[in-house]
Structure formats: structure tokens, C-alpha cells
N, C-alpha and C. Protein backbone atom coordinates (compact mmCIF):
# COMPACT_ATOMS: atom_id res chain seq x y z
N MET A 1 -160.19 78.47 67.00
CA MET A 1 -161.40 77.73 66.18
C MET A 1 -161.96 77.59 65.56
N ILE A 2 -162.50 77.13 65.10
CA ILE A 2 -163.13 77.04 63.62
C ILE A 2 -164.94 77.25 64.09
N GLY A 3 -165.55 78.06 63.67
CA GLY A 3 -166.66 78.75 63.99
C GLY A 3 -168.30 77.55 62.55
N LYS A 4 -168.85 78.72 62.92
CA LYS A 4 -170.01 77.41 62.51
C LYS A 4 -169.68 77.45 60.68
N GLN A 5 -169.80 76.30 59.71
CA GLN A 5 -169.29 76.42 59.07
C GLN A 5 -171.30 76.06 57.87
N LEU A 6 -170.56 77.15 56.48
CA LEU A 6 -172.13 76.46 55.93
C LEU A 6 -171.74 74.76 54.78
N TYR A 7 -172.70 73.88 55.82
CA TYR A 7 -172.76 72.65 55.09
C TYR A 7 -173.82 72.57 53.46
N SER A 8 -173.53 72.01 52.92
CA SER A 8 -173.88 71.36 51.28
C SER A 8 -174.22 69.98 51.42
N ILE A 9 -175.91 69.47 51.48
CA ILE A 9 -176.18 68.08 51.86
C ILE A 9 -177.09 67.12 50.61
N PHE A 10 -176.83 66.77 50.42
CA PHE A 10 -176.82 65.87 49.24
C PHE A 10 -177.69 64.49 49.64
N LEU A 11 -178.70 64.98 49.10
CA LEU A 11 -179.27 63.14 49.81
C LEU A 11 -180.26 62.27 48.18
N GLU A 12 -180.13 61.45 48.67
CA GLU A 12 -179.98 60.10 46.72
C GLU A 12 -181.01 59.15 46.70
N TYR A 13 -181.80 59.07 46.74
CA TYR A 13 -182.90 58.47 47.95
C TYR A 13 -183.90 57.79 46.21
N ARG A 14 -184.70 56.48 46.38
CA ARG A 14 -185.41 56.55 45.31
C ARG A 14 -185.13 57.06 44.21
N GLY A 15 -184.02 57.52 43.48
CA GLY A 15 -184.55 57.92 42.37
C GLY A 15 -184.77 59.14 42.10
N GLY A 16 -184.43 59.99 43.15
CA GLY A 16 -184.15 61.57 43.31
C GLY A 16 -182.94 62.12 44.43
N THR A 17 -182.97 63.19 44.25
CA THR A 17 -181.84 63.62 43.83
C THR A 17 -181.97 65.33 45.57
N TYR A 18 -181.88 65.33 45.97
CA TYR A 18 -182.93 65.96 47.58
C TYR A 18 -181.74 67.26 47.78
N ILE A 19 -181.31 68.77 47.72
CA ILE A 19 -180.61 69.31 48.20
C ILE A 19 -180.26 70.51 49.40
N SER A 20 -180.29 70.11 49.74
CA SER A 20 -180.12 71.02 51.29
C SER A 20 -179.07 72.02 51.80
N GLN A 21 -179.14 73.09 52.73
CA GLN A 21 -178.37 73.99 53.59
C GLN A 21 -178.34 73.43 54.72
N ILE A 22 -177.19 74.02 56.07
CA ILE A 22 -177.81 74.36 57.07
C ILE A 22 -176.04 74.67 57.66
N ASN A 23 -175.99 75.54 58.20
CA ASN A 23 -174.36 76.15 59.40
C ASN A 23 -175.13 74.81 60.44
N SER A 24 -173.30 74.54 60.73
CA SER A 24 -173.34 73.70 62.03
C SER A 24 -171.67 74.07 62.56
N LEU A 25 -171.34 73.18 63.36
CA LEU A 25 -170.00 73.60 63.80
C LEU A 25 -169.25 71.89 63.72
N THR A 26 -169.57 71.03 62.97
CA THR A 26 -169.41 69.89 62.78
C THR A 26 -169.64 69.01 61.78
N PRO A 27 -169.68 68.30 60.49
CA PRO A 27 -170.03 67.66 59.63
C PRO A 27 -170.66 67.04 60.15
N LEU A 28 -170.38 65.86 61.28
CA LEU A 28 -171.85 64.61 61.66
C LEU A 28 -172.81 65.69 61.82
N GLU A 29 -172.65 67.36 63.25
CA GLU A 29 -173.71 67.46 63.92
C GLU A 29 -174.72 67.66 62.42
N ALA A 30 -174.62 68.39 61.38
CA ALA A 30 -174.28 68.52 60.75
C ALA A 30 -175.88 67.85 59.59
N LEU A 31 -175.34 67.28 59.62
CA LEU A 31 -176.32 65.93 59.81
C LEU A 31 -177.82 65.93 60.30
N THR A 32 -176.66 65.15 61.73
CA THR A 32 -177.75 65.05 62.34
C THR A 32 -178.37 66.62 62.94
N GLU A 33 -178.44 67.70 63.19
CA GLU A 33 -178.84 68.46 62.72
C GLU A 33 -180.15 68.96 61.60
N TRP A 34 -179.82 68.54 60.20
CA TRP A 34 -180.43 68.47 58.60
C TRP A 34 -181.52 67.25 59.71
N ALA A 35 -180.82 66.54 59.90
CA ALA A 35 -182.03 65.62 59.36
C ALA A 35 -183.26 65.52 60.41
N SER A 36 -182.83 66.37 61.63
CA SER A 36 -183.93 66.86 62.64
C SER A 36 -185.07 68.26 62.48
N SER A 37 -184.61 68.18 61.72
CA SER A 37 -185.00 69.50 61.17
C SER A 37 -186.06 69.60 58.85
N VAL A 38 -185.61 68.09 58.91
CA VAL A 38 -186.60 68.53 57.49
C VAL A 38 -187.74 68.43 57.69
N PRO A 39 -188.16 69.03 57.03
CA PRO A 39 -189.70 69.22 57.30
C PRO A 39 -190.81 68.64 57.09
N SER A 40 -191.68 67.58 58.00
CA SER A 40 -192.37 66.67 57.81
C SER A 40 -192.90 66.22 56.41
N GLU A 41 -193.41 67.31 55.64
CA GLU A 41 -193.59 67.15 54.52
C GLU A 41 -192.71 66.16 52.84
N ASP A 42 -191.28 67.27 53.72
CA ASP A 42 -190.66 66.33 52.78
C ASP A 42 -190.28 64.73 52.93
N LEU A 43 -190.55 64.86 53.71
CA LEU A 43 -190.51 63.22 54.10
C LEU A 43 -191.73 62.22 54.62
N ILE A 44 -192.46 63.06 54.07
CA ILE A 44 -194.45 62.52 53.00
C ILE A 44 -193.83 62.26 51.76
N THR A 45 -193.22 63.29 51.18
CA THR A 45 -192.75 63.18 49.68
C THR A 45 -191.36 61.63 49.51
N TRP A 46 -190.71 61.81 50.49
CA TRP A 46 -189.68 61.26 49.46
C TRP A 46 -190.67 59.72 50.96
N ASN A 47 -191.39 59.56 51.21
CA ASN A 47 -191.56 57.76 51.83
C ASN A 47 -190.49 57.43 53.01
N LEU A 48 -189.83 58.75 53.21
CA LEU A 48 -188.93 58.16 53.97
C LEU A 48 -189.06 58.96 55.67
N ARG A 49 -189.44 57.43 57.26
CA ARG A 49 -189.68 58.38 58.31
C ARG A 49 -188.04 58.91 59.10
N ARG A 50 -188.27 59.81 59.42
CA ARG A 50 -187.29 60.60 60.40
C ARG A 50 -186.49 59.82 61.54
N PRO A 51 -186.81 59.03 62.06
CA PRO A 51 -186.67 57.83 62.53
C PRO A 51 -185.35 57.01 61.84
N GLU A 52 -185.69 56.61 61.18
CA GLU A 52 -184.93 56.05 59.78
C GLU A 52 -183.63 57.00 58.96
N LEU A 53 -184.38 57.61 59.22
CA LEU A 53 -182.56 58.79 58.48
C LEU A 53 -182.23 59.05 59.89
N LEU A 54 -182.33 59.35 60.41
CA LEU A 54 -181.14 58.67 62.00
C LEU A 54 -180.61 58.48 61.93
N SER A 55 -181.29 56.52 62.12
CA SER A 55 -180.20 55.72 62.41
C SER A 55 -179.52 56.39 61.53
N VAL A 56 -180.02 56.48 60.37
CA VAL A 56 -178.74 55.82 59.05
C VAL A 56 -177.42 56.58 59.71
N ILE A 57 -177.78 58.30 59.92
CA ILE A 57 -176.66 58.88 60.27
C ILE A 57 -176.14 58.72 61.58
N GLU A 58 -176.49 58.02 62.75
CA GLU A 58 -176.25 57.97 63.74
C GLU A 58 -174.75 56.53 63.34
N TYR A 59 -175.21 55.60 63.13
CA TYR A 59 -174.78 53.79 62.87
C TYR A 59 -173.83 54.21 61.58
N GLY A 60 -174.05 55.05 60.75
CA GLY A 60 -173.60 54.95 59.21
C GLY A 60 -172.21 55.13 59.97
N SER A 61 -171.03 55.65 59.25
CA SER A 61 -169.89 56.28 59.00
C SER A 61 -169.07 56.96 58.08
N LEU A 62 -169.28 58.11 58.88
CA LEU A 62 -169.39 59.31 57.37
C LEU A 62 -167.63 59.15 57.59
N VAL A 63 -167.38 58.68 55.84
CA VAL A 63 -166.75 58.80 55.44
C VAL A 63 -165.73 59.93 54.20
N PRO A 64 -164.83 60.55 55.27
CA PRO A 64 -163.97 61.23 54.09
C PRO A 64 -163.51 60.53 52.68
N LEU A 65 -163.89 61.84 51.43
CA LEU A 65 -163.76 61.25 49.86
C LEU A 65 -162.90 61.05 49.80
N ALA A 66 -162.00 60.19 49.20
CA ALA A 66 -160.35 59.82 48.31
C ALA A 66 -160.34 61.20 47.67
N ASP A 67 -158.42 61.68 47.70
CA ASP A 67 -157.79 62.76 47.16
C ASP A 67 -159.02 63.89 46.76
N ARG A 68 -160.10 64.13 48.70
CA ARG A 68 -160.20 65.96 48.01
C ARG A 68 -161.06 65.83 49.51
N VAL A 69 -161.54 67.67 49.58
CA VAL A 69 -160.79 68.32 50.51
C VAL A 69 -162.91 68.94 51.04
N ASN A 70 -162.77 68.61 52.54
CA ASN A 70 -164.33 68.50 53.04
C ASN A 70 -164.94 68.49 52.63
N ILE A 71 -164.83 67.41 52.29
CA ILE A 71 -166.32 66.36 51.12
C ILE A 71 -166.16 65.01 51.51
N TRP A 72 -167.80 64.73 52.23
CA TRP A 72 -168.17 63.13 53.42
C TRP A 72 -169.11 62.30 51.75
N CYS A 73 -169.16 61.47 52.80
CA CYS A 73 -170.85 60.72 52.15
C CYS A 73 -170.79 59.41 53.44
N LEU A 74 -171.85 59.21 53.20
CA LEU A 74 -172.22 58.11 54.18
C LEU A 74 -173.93 57.73 53.15
N THR A 75 -173.55 56.02 53.13
CA THR A 75 -174.56 55.28 53.22
C THR A 75 -175.60 54.42 54.54
N GLY A 76 -176.31 54.22 53.57
CA GLY A 76 -177.38 53.42 54.57
C GLY A 76 -178.19 52.91 53.79
N VAL A 77 -179.72 52.38 54.91
CA VAL A 77 -180.01 51.62 54.08
C VAL A 77 -181.52 52.30 54.89
N ASP A 78 -182.95 52.07 54.25
CA ASP A 78 -184.06 52.25 55.04
C ASP A 78 -185.30 51.14 55.69
N GLY A 79 -185.86 51.43 56.14
CA GLY A 79 -186.55 49.70 56.08
C GLY A 79 -187.43 48.14 55.70
N ASN A 80 -187.74 49.44 54.70
CA ASN A 80 -187.89 48.55 53.57
C ASN A 80 -186.93 47.93 52.60
N HIS A 81 -185.29 48.53 53.09
CA HIS A 81 -184.23 48.10 52.38
C HIS A 81 -183.72 48.84 50.85
N GLU A 82 -184.11 49.80 51.48
CA GLU A 82 -184.41 50.76 50.46
C GLU A 82 -182.80 51.44 50.80
N GLN A 83 -181.95 52.01 49.12
CA GLN A 83 -180.03 52.41 49.28
C GLN A 83 -180.92 53.92 50.13
N LEU A 84 -180.07 54.56 50.53
CA LEU A 84 -179.90 56.44 50.89
C LEU A 84 -178.44 56.68 50.77
N LEU A 85 -178.10 57.47 49.72
CA LEU A 85 -176.59 58.29 50.03
C LEU A 85 -176.44 59.57 50.61
N LEU A 86 -175.67 59.34 51.37
CA LEU A 86 -175.82 61.90 51.75
C LEU A 86 -174.67 61.75 51.26
N THR A 87 -174.70 63.49 50.37
CA THR A 87 -172.86 63.23 50.16
C THR A 87 -172.72 64.82 51.27
N LEU A 88 -172.03 64.91 51.71
CA LEU A 88 -171.62 66.39 52.94
C LEU A 88 -170.40 67.74 52.15
N VAL A 89 -170.85 68.64 51.50
CA VAL A 89 -169.54 69.43 51.56
C VAL A 89 -169.87 70.85 52.28
N VAL A 90 -168.90 71.28 52.52
CA VAL A 90 -168.92 72.15 53.50
C VAL A 90 -167.96 73.28 51.79
N THR A 91 -169.57 74.24 52.74
CA THR A 91 -169.39 75.06 51.62
C THR A 91 -168.93 76.82 51.28
N ALA A 92 -169.21 76.75 52.25
CA ALA A 92 -168.41 78.55 53.37
C ALA A 92 -168.06 77.99 54.54
N GLN A 93 -167.39 78.90 55.13
CA GLN A 93 -166.38 78.78 56.19
C GLN A 93 -166.50 79.77 56.98
N GLY A 94 -166.76 79.89 58.28
CA GLY A 94 -167.60 81.15 59.00
C GLY A 94 -166.42 81.49 59.77
């Protein structure tokens, strides 16, 4: 069984690109744990509510990029119909 992996998470939202990293067991867990742990100050700066972010992850479809290894993306919209794009990359394996 593979242990935790380091994931790099790229959020593209409202003209900005925000990068974070988190250790987790699976890609979906990484996104959920990240969304739950994003500092409130960042969410305020981004003008994004945590429940909206978690909802995009919960109801979205994490899609592997074609012809690539360990890279996924997920898109969704917030309550104001603003699109966000999450890209997840395995940066290091544990």
C-alpha cells in the first residue's frame, strides 16, 4: 500500500492562480483536506466561501489528464457563477 503522497494543488479563480501543497492518501482526499484547511484569510481574499469550494469538490468529477501520469483537474462554479479550475499533481510519493 502506498503511503501519503505530496500533492501540489493549483487553483485558478477570478484571474488569479493560487498554489498549495498537502500530504494525503488519495487525490480526492487531498482536495477535500486542502479545502477544509485553506486559511479563512485566503478565502476572504479570493471572495470564495468554504462551503462553495467543498461543494465543487464533492459534486465535481476529478478527471485524469489524458496521456499524463498523476495529474488531475476538476472544474466548477461558485454561487456567483464564477468558474474555478483545480489542478492536482502528485509532487512526491511517500
